[in-house]
PDB file of all heavy atoms in Angstrom:
ATOM      1  N   LEU A   1    -119.140 -77.732  65.476  1.00  0.00           N
ATOM      2  CA  LEU A   1    -118.381 -78.252  64.344  1.00  0.00           C
ATOM      3  C   LEU A   1    -117.215 -77.335  63.984  1.00  0.00           C
ATOM      4  O   LEU A   1    -116.062 -77.782  63.900  1.00  0.00           O
ATOM      5  CB  LEU A   1    -119.300 -78.439  63.139  1.00  0.00           C
ATOM      6  CG  LEU A   1    -118.635 -78.922  61.859  1.00  0.00           C
ATOM      7  CD1 LEU A   1    -118.235 -80.371  62.004  1.00  0.00           C
ATOM      8  CD2 LEU A   1    -119.581 -78.751  60.693  1.00  0.00           C
ATOM      9  N   ILE A   2    -117.483 -76.057  63.787  1.00  0.00           N
ATOM     10  CA  ILE A   2    -116.376 -75.181  63.370  1.00  0.00           C
ATOM     11  C   ILE A   2    -115.424 -74.889  64.528  1.00  0.00           C
ATOM     12  O   ILE A   2    -114.230 -74.708  64.319  1.00  0.00           O
ATOM     13  CB  ILE A   2    -116.861 -73.887  62.682  1.00  0.00           C
ATOM     14  CG1 ILE A   2    -117.651 -72.988  63.612  1.00  0.00           C
ATOM     15  CG2 ILE A   2    -117.637 -74.192  61.435  1.00  0.00           C
ATOM     16  CD1 ILE A   2    -117.872 -71.607  63.041  1.00  0.00           C
ATOM     17  N   GLY A   3    -115.939 -74.869  65.744  1.00  0.00           N
ATOM     18  CA  GLY A   3    -115.056 -74.690  66.900  1.00  0.00           C
ATOM     19  C   GLY A   3    -114.110 -75.865  67.056  1.00  0.00           C
ATOM     20  O   GLY A   3    -112.910 -75.687  67.312  1.00  0.00           O
ATOM     21  N   GLY A   4    -114.626 -77.076  66.901  1.00  0.00           N
ATOM     22  CA  GLY A   4    -113.777 -78.267  66.979  1.00  0.00           C
ATOM     23  C   GLY A   4    -112.748 -78.308  65.865  1.00  0.00           C
ATOM     24  O   GLY A   4    -111.592 -78.688  66.072  1.00  0.00           O
ATOM     25  N   ALA A   5    -113.165 -77.918  64.670  1.00  0.00           N
ATOM     26  CA  ALA A   5    -112.231 -77.884  63.537  1.00  0.00           C
ATOM     27  C   ALA A   5    -111.104 -76.904  63.800  1.00  0.00           C
ATOM     28  O   ALA A   5    -109.926 -77.209  63.561  1.00  0.00           O
ATOM     29  CB  ALA A   5    -112.970 -77.505  62.253  1.00  0.00           C
ATOM     30  N   SER A   6    -111.431 -75.731  64.321  1.00  0.00           N
ATOM     31  CA  SER A   6    -110.384 -74.740  64.575  1.00  0.00           C
ATOM     32  C   SER A   6    -109.462 -75.194  65.701  1.00  0.00           C
ATOM     33  O   SER A   6    -108.245 -74.973  65.629  1.00  0.00           O
ATOM     34  CB  SER A   6    -110.985 -73.370  64.881  1.00  0.00           C
ATOM     35  OG  SER A   6    -111.712 -73.399  66.083  1.00  0.00           O
ATOM     36  N   GLY A   7    -110.001 -75.848  66.714  1.00  0.00           N
ATOM     37  CA  GLY A   7    -109.157 -76.367  67.794  1.00  0.00           C
ATOM     38  C   GLY A   7    -108.163 -77.400  67.285  1.00  0.00           C
ATOM     39  O   GLY A   7    -106.983 -77.384  67.653  1.00  0.00           O
ATOM     40  N   GLY A   8    -108.633 -78.307  66.428  1.00  0.00           N
ATOM     41  CA  GLY A   8    -107.737 -79.300  65.840  1.00  0.00           C
ATOM     42  C   GLY A   8    -106.677 -78.670  64.966  1.00  0.00           C
ATOM     43  O   GLY A   8    -105.505 -79.079  64.986  1.00  0.00           O
ATOM     44  N   LEU A   9    -107.062 -77.655  64.211  1.00  0.00           N
ATOM     45  CA  LEU A   9    -106.099 -76.976  63.340  1.00  0.00           C
ATOM     46  C   LEU A   9    -105.050 -76.198  64.132  1.00  0.00           C
ATOM     47  O   LEU A   9    -103.897 -76.104  63.704  1.00  0.00           O
ATOM     48  CB  LEU A   9    -106.826 -76.057  62.364  1.00  0.00           C
ATOM     49  CG  LEU A   9    -107.591 -76.800  61.271  1.00  0.00           C
ATOM     50  CD1 LEU A   9    -108.512 -75.836  60.524  1.00  0.00           C
ATOM     51  CD2 LEU A   9    -106.647 -77.491  60.323  1.00  0.00           C
ATOM     52  N   ILE A  10    -105.428 -75.671  65.289  1.00  0.00           N
ATOM     53  CA  ILE A  10    -104.444 -74.994  66.140  1.00  0.00           C
ATOM     54  C   ILE A  10    -103.354 -75.994  66.540  1.00  0.00           C
ATOM     55  O   ILE A  10    -102.163 -75.687  66.486  1.00  0.00           O
ATOM     56  CB  ILE A  10    -105.103 -74.365  67.389  1.00  0.00           C
ATOM     57  CG1 ILE A  10    -105.943 -73.151  66.995  1.00  0.00           C
ATOM     58  CG2 ILE A  10    -104.047 -73.970  68.418  1.00  0.00           C
ATOM     59  CD1 ILE A  10    -106.794 -72.607  68.121  1.00  0.00           C
ATOM     60  N   GLY A  11    -103.756 -77.196  66.899  1.00  0.00           N
ATOM     61  CA  GLY A  11    -102.782 -78.239  67.234  1.00  0.00           C
ATOM     62  C   GLY A  11    -101.860 -78.551  66.076  1.00  0.00           C
ATOM     63  O   GLY A  11    -100.644 -78.709  66.250  1.00  0.00           O
ATOM     64  N   LEU A  12    -102.414 -78.629  64.874  1.00  0.00           N
ATOM     65  CA  LEU A  12    -101.578 -78.907  63.701  1.00  0.00           C
ATOM     66  C   LEU A  12    -100.613 -77.772  63.399  1.00  0.00           C
ATOM     67  O   LEU A  12     -99.484 -78.001  62.968  1.00  0.00           O
ATOM     68  CB  LEU A  12    -102.467 -79.188  62.489  1.00  0.00           C
ATOM     69  CG  LEU A  12    -103.241 -80.498  62.553  1.00  0.00           C
ATOM     70  CD1 LEU A  12    -104.204 -80.599  61.379  1.00  0.00           C
ATOM     71  CD2 LEU A  12    -102.301 -81.684  62.594  1.00  0.00           C
ATOM     72  N   VAL A  13    -101.039 -76.538  63.636  1.00  0.00           N
ATOM     73  CA  VAL A  13    -100.143 -75.402  63.414  1.00  0.00           C
ATOM     74  C   VAL A  13     -98.952 -75.482  64.363  1.00  0.00           C
ATOM     75  O   VAL A  13     -97.819 -75.187  63.977  1.00  0.00           O
ATOM     76  CB  VAL A  13    -100.899 -74.059  63.558  1.00  0.00           C
ATOM     77  CG1 VAL A  13     -99.939 -72.889  63.626  1.00  0.00           C
ATOM     78  CG2 VAL A  13    -101.878 -73.883  62.417  1.00  0.00           C
ATOM     79  N   PHE A  14     -99.182 -75.913  65.592  1.00  0.00           N
ATOM     80  CA  PHE A  14     -98.066 -76.046  66.527  1.00  0.00           C
ATOM     81  C   PHE A  14     -97.097 -77.142  66.087  1.00  0.00           C
ATOM     82  O   PHE A  14     -95.894 -77.048  66.325  1.00  0.00           O
ATOM     83  CB  PHE A  14     -98.562 -76.285  67.948  1.00  0.00           C
ATOM     84  CG  PHE A  14     -99.106 -75.044  68.585  1.00  0.00           C
ATOM     85  CD1 PHE A  14    -100.448 -74.938  68.892  1.00  0.00           C
ATOM     86  CD2 PHE A  14     -98.282 -73.964  68.856  1.00  0.00           C
ATOM     87  CE1 PHE A  14    -100.954 -73.783  69.460  1.00  0.00           C
ATOM     88  CE2 PHE A  14     -98.782 -72.801  69.425  1.00  0.00           C
ATOM     89  CZ  PHE A  14    -100.119 -72.713  69.731  1.00  0.00           C
ATOM     90  N   ILE A  15     -97.605 -78.149  65.418  1.00  0.00           N
ATOM     91  CA  ILE A  15     -96.716 -79.167  64.854  1.00  0.00           C
ATOM     92  C   ILE A  15     -95.861 -78.560  63.747  1.00  0.00           C
ATOM     93  O   ILE A  15     -94.674 -78.850  63.624  1.00  0.00           O
ATOM     94  CB  ILE A  15     -97.534 -80.379  64.343  1.00  0.00           C
ATOM     95  CG1 ILE A  15     -98.143 -81.116  65.534  1.00  0.00           C
ATOM     96  CG2 ILE A  15     -96.673 -81.314  63.511  1.00  0.00           C
ATOM     97  CD1 ILE A  15     -99.144 -82.185  65.169  1.00  0.00           C
ATOM     98  N   VAL A  16     -96.465 -77.683  62.948  1.00  0.00           N
ATOM     99  CA  VAL A  16     -95.723 -77.019  61.873  1.00  0.00           C
ATOM    100  C   VAL A  16     -94.557 -76.218  62.445  1.00  0.00           C
ATOM    101  O   VAL A  16     -93.483 -76.153  61.842  1.00  0.00           O
ATOM    102  CB  VAL A  16     -96.658 -76.107  61.048  1.00  0.00           C
ATOM    103  CG1 VAL A  16     -95.880 -75.212  60.108  1.00  0.00           C
ATOM    104  CG2 VAL A  16     -97.660 -76.940  60.281  1.00  0.00           C
ATOM    105  N   VAL A  17     -94.747 -75.627  63.595  1.00  0.00           N
ATOM    106  CA  VAL A  17     -93.688 -74.837  64.218  1.00  0.00           C
ATOM    107  C   VAL A  17     -92.438 -75.688  64.409  1.00  0.00           C
ATOM    108  O   VAL A  17     -91.313 -75.200  64.254  1.00  0.00           O
ATOM    109  CB  VAL A  17     -94.167 -74.236  65.559  1.00  0.00           C
ATOM    110  CG1 VAL A  17     -93.037 -73.602  66.327  1.00  0.00           C
ATOM    111  CG2 VAL A  17     -95.268 -73.226  65.308  1.00  0.00           C
ATOM    112  N   THR A  18     -92.613 -76.958  64.706  1.00  0.00           N
ATOM    113  CA  THR A  18     -91.439 -77.818  64.894  1.00  0.00           C
ATOM    114  C   THR A  18     -90.673 -78.024  63.594  1.00  0.00           C
ATOM    115  O   THR A  18     -89.483 -78.352  63.623  1.00  0.00           O
ATOM    116  CB  THR A  18     -91.838 -79.195  65.461  1.00  0.00           C
ATOM    117  OG1 THR A  18     -92.675 -79.872  64.524  1.00  0.00           O
ATOM    118  CG2 THR A  18     -92.530 -79.054  66.794  1.00  0.00           C
ATOM    119  N   LEU A  19     -91.312 -77.819  62.457  1.00  0.00           N
ATOM    120  CA  LEU A  19     -90.625 -77.978  61.179  1.00  0.00           C
ATOM    121  C   LEU A  19     -89.611 -76.870  60.909  1.00  0.00           C
ATOM    122  O   LEU A  19     -88.691 -77.049  60.125  1.00  0.00           O
ATOM    123  CB  LEU A  19     -91.635 -78.019  60.027  1.00  0.00           C
ATOM    124  CG  LEU A  19     -92.589 -79.200  60.012  1.00  0.00           C
ATOM    125  CD1 LEU A  19     -93.625 -79.019  58.913  1.00  0.00           C
ATOM    126  CD2 LEU A  19     -91.832 -80.498  59.820  1.00  0.00           C
ATOM    127  N   ILE A  20     -89.796 -75.718  61.556  1.00  0.00           N
ATOM    128  CA  ILE A  20     -88.886 -74.592  61.312  1.00  0.00           C
ATOM    129  C   ILE A  20     -87.878 -74.441  62.444  1.00  0.00           C
ATOM    130  O   ILE A  20     -87.331 -73.380  62.668  1.00  0.00           O
ATOM    131  CB  ILE A  20     -89.662 -73.275  61.073  1.00  0.00           C
ATOM    132  CG1 ILE A  20     -90.578 -72.930  62.244  1.00  0.00           C
ATOM    133  CG2 ILE A  20     -90.435 -73.347  59.779  1.00  0.00           C
ATOM    134  CD1 ILE A  20     -91.243 -71.588  62.115  1.00  0.00           C
ATOM    135  N   ARG A  21     -87.600 -75.517  63.085  1.00  0.00           N
ATOM    136  CA  ARG A  21     -86.720 -75.552  64.251  1.00  0.00           C
ATOM    137  C   ARG A  21     -85.311 -75.029  63.961  1.00  0.00           C
ATOM    138  O   ARG A  21     -84.710 -74.361  64.774  1.00  0.00           O
ATOM    139  CB  ARG A  21     -86.708 -76.986  64.755  1.00  0.00           C
ATOM    140  CG  ARG A  21     -85.939 -77.249  65.955  1.00  0.00           C
ATOM    141  CD  ARG A  21     -86.107 -78.667  66.374  1.00  0.00           C
ATOM    142  NE  ARG A  21     -85.757 -79.561  65.255  1.00  0.00           N
ATOM    143  CZ  ARG A  21     -86.113 -80.827  65.180  1.00  0.00           C
ATOM    144  NH1 ARG A  21     -86.827 -81.345  66.134  1.00  0.00           N
ATOM    145  NH2 ARG A  21     -85.759 -81.579  64.171  1.00  0.00           N
ATOM    146  N   GLY A  22     -84.751 -75.301  62.786  1.00  0.00           N
ATOM    147  CA  GLY A  22     -83.374 -74.931  62.490  1.00  0.00           C
ATOM    148  C   GLY A  22     -83.195 -73.541  61.907  1.00  0.00           C
ATOM    149  O   GLY A  22     -82.102 -73.160  61.547  1.00  0.00           O
ATOM    150  N   VAL A  23     -84.254 -72.752  61.841  1.00  0.00           N
ATOM    151  CA  VAL A  23     -84.190 -71.425  61.223  1.00  0.00           C
ATOM    152  C   VAL A  23     -83.552 -70.424  62.177  1.00  0.00           C
ATOM    153  O   VAL A  23     -83.735 -70.501  63.383  1.00  0.00           O
ATOM    154  CB  VAL A  23     -85.615 -70.963  60.829  1.00  0.00           C
ATOM    155  CG1 VAL A  23     -85.603 -69.574  60.244  1.00  0.00           C
ATOM    156  CG2 VAL A  23     -86.241 -71.940  59.875  1.00  0.00           C
ATOM    157  N   ASP A  24     -82.789 -69.498  61.612  1.00  0.00           N
ATOM    158  CA  ASP A  24     -82.199 -68.414  62.388  1.00  0.00           C
ATOM    159  C   ASP A  24     -83.291 -67.743  63.225  1.00  0.00           C
ATOM    160  O   ASP A  24     -84.356 -67.398  62.713  1.00  0.00           O
ATOM    161  CB  ASP A  24     -81.556 -67.401  61.432  1.00  0.00           C
ATOM    162  CG  ASP A  24     -81.017 -66.180  62.151  1.00  0.00           C
ATOM    163  OD1 ASP A  24     -80.534 -66.311  63.286  1.00  0.00           O
ATOM    164  OD2 ASP A  24     -81.088 -65.089  61.554  1.00  0.00           O
ATOM    165  N   ALA A  25     -83.035 -67.549  64.512  1.00  0.00           N
ATOM    166  CA  ALA A  25     -84.060 -67.061  65.443  1.00  0.00           C
ATOM    167  C   ALA A  25     -84.624 -65.701  65.046  1.00  0.00           C
ATOM    168  O   ALA A  25     -85.833 -65.483  65.144  1.00  0.00           O
ATOM    169  CB  ALA A  25     -83.496 -66.992  66.857  1.00  0.00           C
ATOM    170  N   THR A  26     -83.808 -64.768  64.603  1.00  0.00           N
ATOM    171  CA  THR A  26     -84.323 -63.438  64.260  1.00  0.00           C
ATOM    172  C   THR A  26     -85.250 -63.507  63.051  1.00  0.00           C
ATOM    173  O   THR A  26     -86.272 -62.835  63.008  1.00  0.00           O
ATOM    174  CB  THR A  26     -83.183 -62.444  63.977  1.00  0.00           C
ATOM    175  OG1 THR A  26     -82.364 -62.977  62.931  1.00  0.00           O
ATOM    176  CG2 THR A  26     -82.348 -62.208  65.212  1.00  0.00           C
ATOM    177  N   ILE A  27     -84.906 -64.332  62.068  1.00  0.00           N
ATOM    178  CA  ILE A  27     -85.755 -64.484  60.886  1.00  0.00           C
ATOM    179  C   ILE A  27     -87.068 -65.148  61.270  1.00  0.00           C
ATOM    180  O   ILE A  27     -88.143 -64.687  60.913  1.00  0.00           O
ATOM    181  CB  ILE A  27     -85.046 -65.304  59.783  1.00  0.00           C
ATOM    182  CG1 ILE A  27     -83.865 -64.521  59.223  1.00  0.00           C
ATOM    183  CG2 ILE A  27     -86.004 -65.682  58.669  1.00  0.00           C
ATOM    184  CD1 ILE A  27     -82.962 -65.343  58.319  1.00  0.00           C
ATOM    185  N   SER A  28     -86.992 -66.229  62.045  1.00  0.00           N
ATOM    186  CA  SER A  28     -88.216 -66.964  62.361  1.00  0.00           C
ATOM    187  C   SER A  28     -89.148 -66.168  63.265  1.00  0.00           C
ATOM    188  O   SER A  28     -90.357 -66.214  63.101  1.00  0.00           O
ATOM    189  CB  SER A  28     -87.892 -68.321  62.979  1.00  0.00           C
ATOM    190  OG  SER A  28     -87.330 -68.169  64.257  1.00  0.00           O
ATOM    191  N   LEU A  29     -88.600 -65.397  64.220  1.00  0.00           N
ATOM    192  CA  LEU A  29     -89.458 -64.599  65.098  1.00  0.00           C
ATOM    193  C   LEU A  29     -90.172 -63.495  64.327  1.00  0.00           C
ATOM    194  O   LEU A  29     -91.352 -63.245  64.528  1.00  0.00           O
ATOM    195  CB  LEU A  29     -88.651 -64.006  66.256  1.00  0.00           C
ATOM    196  CG  LEU A  29     -88.220 -64.984  67.330  1.00  0.00           C
ATOM    197  CD1 LEU A  29     -87.310 -64.295  68.339  1.00  0.00           C
ATOM    198  CD2 LEU A  29     -89.418 -65.597  68.025  1.00  0.00           C
ATOM    199  N   ARG A  30     -89.448 -62.809  63.437  1.00  0.00           N
ATOM    200  CA  ARG A  30     -90.059 -61.740  62.646  1.00  0.00           C
ATOM    201  C   ARG A  30     -91.135 -62.306  61.724  1.00  0.00           C
ATOM    202  O   ARG A  30     -92.226 -61.775  61.626  1.00  0.00           O
ATOM    203  CB  ARG A  30     -88.991 -61.002  61.844  1.00  0.00           C
ATOM    204  CG  ARG A  30     -89.542 -59.816  61.075  1.00  0.00           C
ATOM    205  CD  ARG A  30     -88.461 -59.088  60.314  1.00  0.00           C
ATOM    206  NE  ARG A  30     -87.862 -60.002  59.359  1.00  0.00           N
ATOM    207  CZ  ARG A  30     -86.565 -60.034  59.061  1.00  0.00           C
ATOM    208  NH1 ARG A  30     -85.737 -59.213  59.646  1.00  0.00           N
ATOM    209  NH2 ARG A  30     -86.100 -60.883  58.168  1.00  0.00           N
ATOM    210  N   ASN A  31     -90.831 -63.405  61.060  1.00  0.00           N
ATOM    211  CA  ASN A  31     -91.787 -64.001  60.128  1.00  0.00           C
ATOM    212  C   ASN A  31     -92.953 -64.669  60.842  1.00  0.00           C
ATOM    213  O   ASN A  31     -94.053 -64.719  60.306  1.00  0.00           O
ATOM    214  CB  ASN A  31     -91.084 -64.983  59.196  1.00  0.00           C
ATOM    215  CG  ASN A  31     -90.155 -64.274  58.228  1.00  0.00           C
ATOM    216  OD1 ASN A  31     -90.288 -63.080  57.997  1.00  0.00           O
ATOM    217  ND2 ASN A  31     -89.220 -64.996  57.684  1.00  0.00           N
ATOM    218  N   ALA A  32     -92.729 -65.185  62.041  1.00  0.00           N
ATOM    219  CA  ALA A  32     -93.827 -65.800  62.797  1.00  0.00           C
ATOM    220  C   ALA A  32     -94.900 -64.765  63.097  1.00  0.00           C
ATOM    221  O   ALA A  32     -96.093 -65.071  63.059  1.00  0.00           O
ATOM    222  CB  ALA A  32     -93.303 -66.411  64.099  1.00  0.00           C
ATOM    223  N   GLY A  33     -94.496 -63.531  63.397  1.00  0.00           N
ATOM    224  CA  GLY A  33     -95.451 -62.472  63.675  1.00  0.00           C
ATOM    225  C   GLY A  33     -96.297 -62.092  62.479  1.00  0.00           C
ATOM    226  O   GLY A  33     -97.402 -61.586  62.626  1.00  0.00           O
ATOM    227  N   VAL A  34     -95.784 -62.341  61.298  1.00  0.00           N
ATOM    228  CA  VAL A  34     -96.508 -61.984  60.080  1.00  0.00           C
ATOM    229  C   VAL A  34     -97.316 -63.160  59.549  1.00  0.00           C
ATOM    230  O   VAL A  34     -98.419 -62.978  59.049  1.00  0.00           O
ATOM    231  CB  VAL A  34     -95.528 -61.478  58.993  1.00  0.00           C
ATOM    232  CG1 VAL A  34     -96.232 -61.248  57.674  1.00  0.00           C
ATOM    233  CG2 VAL A  34     -94.865 -60.200  59.458  1.00  0.00           C
ATOM    234  N   TYR A  35     -96.778 -64.347  59.654  1.00  0.00           N
ATOM    235  CA  TYR A  35     -97.428 -65.502  59.037  1.00  0.00           C
ATOM    236  C   TYR A  35     -98.063 -66.461  60.052  1.00  0.00           C
ATOM    237  O   TYR A  35     -99.239 -66.786  59.950  1.00  0.00           O
ATOM    238  CB  TYR A  35     -96.425 -66.268  58.168  1.00  0.00           C
ATOM    239  CG  TYR A  35     -96.003 -65.488  56.951  1.00  0.00           C
ATOM    240  CD1 TYR A  35     -94.766 -64.880  56.886  1.00  0.00           C
ATOM    241  CD2 TYR A  35     -96.849 -65.341  55.871  1.00  0.00           C
ATOM    242  CE1 TYR A  35     -94.381 -64.154  55.764  1.00  0.00           C
ATOM    243  CE2 TYR A  35     -96.484 -64.617  54.753  1.00  0.00           C
ATOM    244  CZ  TYR A  35     -95.243 -64.027  54.706  1.00  0.00           C
ATOM    245  OH  TYR A  35     -94.882 -63.310  53.610  1.00  0.00           O
ATOM    246  N   MET A  36     -97.315 -66.928  61.013  1.00  0.00           N
ATOM    247  CA  MET A  36     -97.803 -67.967  61.920  1.00  0.00           C
ATOM    248  C   MET A  36     -98.769 -67.423  62.974  1.00  0.00           C
ATOM    249  O   MET A  36     -99.844 -67.975  63.180  1.00  0.00           O
ATOM    250  CB  MET A  36     -96.613 -68.648  62.597  1.00  0.00           C
ATOM    251  CG  MET A  36     -96.989 -69.852  63.428  1.00  0.00           C
ATOM    252  SD  MET A  36     -97.503 -71.263  62.453  1.00  0.00           S
ATOM    253  CE  MET A  36     -95.988 -71.680  61.641  1.00  0.00           C
ATOM    254  N   SER A  37     -98.388 -66.356  63.648  1.00  0.00           N
ATOM    255  CA  SER A  37     -99.217 -65.824  64.735  1.00  0.00           C
ATOM    256  C   SER A  37    -100.622 -65.434  64.281  1.00  0.00           C
ATOM    257  O   SER A  37    -101.598 -65.736  64.980  1.00  0.00           O
ATOM    258  CB  SER A  37     -98.530 -64.643  65.409  1.00  0.00           C
ATOM    259  OG  SER A  37     -97.320 -65.064  65.981  1.00  0.00           O
ATOM    260  N   PRO A  38    -100.784 -64.761  63.126  1.00  0.00           N
ATOM    261  CA  PRO A  38    -102.146 -64.447  62.696  1.00  0.00           C
ATOM    262  C   PRO A  38    -103.004 -65.688  62.434  1.00  0.00           C
ATOM    263  O   PRO A  38    -104.188 -65.695  62.752  1.00  0.00           O
ATOM    264  CB  PRO A  38    -101.940 -63.644  61.402  1.00  0.00           C
ATOM    265  CG  PRO A  38    -100.603 -63.046  61.548  1.00  0.00           C
ATOM    266  CD  PRO A  38     -99.798 -64.078  62.281  1.00  0.00           C
ATOM    267  N   ILE A  39    -102.407 -66.745  61.893  1.00  0.00           N
ATOM    268  CA  ILE A  39    -103.168 -67.971  61.659  1.00  0.00           C
ATOM    269  C   ILE A  39    -103.693 -68.502  62.987  1.00  0.00           C
ATOM    270  O   ILE A  39    -104.872 -68.845  63.119  1.00  0.00           O
ATOM    271  CB  ILE A  39    -102.305 -69.036  60.947  1.00  0.00           C
ATOM    272  CG1 ILE A  39    -101.967 -68.601  59.528  1.00  0.00           C
ATOM    273  CG2 ILE A  39    -103.018 -70.393  60.927  1.00  0.00           C
ATOM    274  CD1 ILE A  39    -100.923 -69.482  58.838  1.00  0.00           C
ATOM    275  N   VAL A  40    -102.834 -68.552  63.994  1.00  0.00           N
ATOM    276  CA  VAL A  40    -103.246 -69.051  65.308  1.00  0.00           C
ATOM    277  C   VAL A  40    -104.303 -68.124  65.914  1.00  0.00           C
ATOM    278  O   VAL A  40    -105.292 -68.592  66.490  1.00  0.00           O
ATOM    279  CB  VAL A  40    -102.028 -69.217  66.245  1.00  0.00           C
ATOM    280  CG1 VAL A  40    -102.460 -69.575  67.649  1.00  0.00           C
ATOM    281  CG2 VAL A  40    -101.082 -70.280  65.686  1.00  0.00           C
ATOM    282  N   PHE A  41    -104.130 -66.814  65.768  1.00  0.00           N
ATOM    283  CA  PHE A  41    -105.122 -65.875  66.308  1.00  0.00           C
ATOM    284  C   PHE A  41    -106.483 -66.071  65.641  1.00  0.00           C
ATOM    285  O   PHE A  41    -107.513 -66.088  66.322  1.00  0.00           O
ATOM    286  CB  PHE A  41    -104.658 -64.423  66.141  1.00  0.00           C
ATOM    287  CG  PHE A  41    -105.632 -63.436  66.731  1.00  0.00           C
ATOM    288  CD1 PHE A  41    -105.619 -63.172  68.083  1.00  0.00           C
ATOM    289  CD2 PHE A  41    -106.578 -62.799  65.941  1.00  0.00           C
ATOM    290  CE1 PHE A  41    -106.524 -62.274  68.646  1.00  0.00           C
ATOM    291  CE2 PHE A  41    -107.487 -61.904  66.483  1.00  0.00           C
ATOM    292  CZ  PHE A  41    -107.462 -61.640  67.842  1.00  0.00           C
ATOM    293  N   HIS A  42    -106.501 -66.239  64.319  1.00  0.00           N
ATOM    294  CA  HIS A  42    -107.770 -66.421  63.612  1.00  0.00           C
ATOM    295  C   HIS A  42    -108.451 -67.716  64.042  1.00  0.00           C
ATOM    296  O   HIS A  42    -109.669 -67.736  64.284  1.00  0.00           O
ATOM    297  CB  HIS A  42    -107.573 -66.420  62.095  1.00  0.00           C
ATOM    298  CG  HIS A  42    -106.894 -65.193  61.561  1.00  0.00           C
ATOM    299  ND1 HIS A  42    -107.039 -63.939  62.107  1.00  0.00           N
ATOM    300  CD2 HIS A  42    -106.044 -65.039  60.521  1.00  0.00           C
ATOM    301  CE1 HIS A  42    -106.316 -63.064  61.427  1.00  0.00           C
ATOM    302  NE2 HIS A  42    -105.695 -63.714  60.456  1.00  0.00           N
ATOM    303  N   LEU A  43    -107.685 -68.781  64.162  1.00  0.00           N
ATOM    304  CA  LEU A  43    -108.261 -70.062  64.600  1.00  0.00           C
ATOM    305  C   LEU A  43    -108.744 -69.978  66.042  1.00  0.00           C
ATOM    306  O   LEU A  43    -109.802 -70.527  66.378  1.00  0.00           O
ATOM    307  CB  LEU A  43    -107.245 -71.190  64.424  1.00  0.00           C
ATOM    308  CG  LEU A  43    -106.928 -71.576  62.982  1.00  0.00           C
ATOM    309  CD1 LEU A  43    -105.752 -72.544  62.933  1.00  0.00           C
ATOM    310  CD2 LEU A  43    -108.138 -72.164  62.284  1.00  0.00           C
ATOM    311  N   ALA A  44    -107.992 -69.292  66.893  1.00  0.00           N
ATOM    312  CA  ALA A  44    -108.418 -69.123  68.288  1.00  0.00           C
ATOM    313  C   ALA A  44    -109.685 -68.280  68.371  1.00  0.00           C
ATOM    314  O   ALA A  44    -110.561 -68.548  69.205  1.00  0.00           O
ATOM    315  CB  ALA A  44    -107.296 -68.483  69.106  1.00  0.00           C
ATOM    316  N   THR A  45    -109.807 -67.291  67.493  1.00  0.00           N
ATOM    317  CA  THR A  45    -111.029 -66.486  67.444  1.00  0.00           C
ATOM    318  C   THR A  45    -112.227 -67.363  67.110  1.00  0.00           C
ATOM    319  O   THR A  45    -113.278 -67.277  67.755  1.00  0.00           O
ATOM    320  CB  THR A  45    -110.885 -65.354  66.405  1.00  0.00           C
ATOM    321  OG1 THR A  45    -109.832 -64.484  66.823  1.00  0.00           O
ATOM    322  CG2 THR A  45    -112.170 -64.559  66.256  1.00  0.00           C
ATOM    323  N   VAL A  46    -112.076 -68.218  66.110  1.00  0.00           N
ATOM    324  CA  VAL A  46    -113.159 -69.129  65.725  1.00  0.00           C
ATOM    325  C   VAL A  46    -113.507 -70.040  66.905  1.00  0.00           C
ATOM    326  O   VAL A  46    -114.682 -70.237  67.230  1.00  0.00           O
ATOM    327  CB  VAL A  46    -112.786 -69.962  64.475  1.00  0.00           C
ATOM    328  CG1 VAL A  46    -113.845 -71.016  64.185  1.00  0.00           C
ATOM    329  CG2 VAL A  46    -112.593 -69.056  63.267  1.00  0.00           C
TER     330      VAL A  46
END
């Protein structure tokens, strides 16, 4: 149950990435390491 939930949420997080498509690359890369990447790592751990 929790593994399936985390797998589905990983997919949704990748959809969120498409929402920040127009952001300056340096800003988005720096912020992705602080905000987006840890979320994906935690879900992948689960």
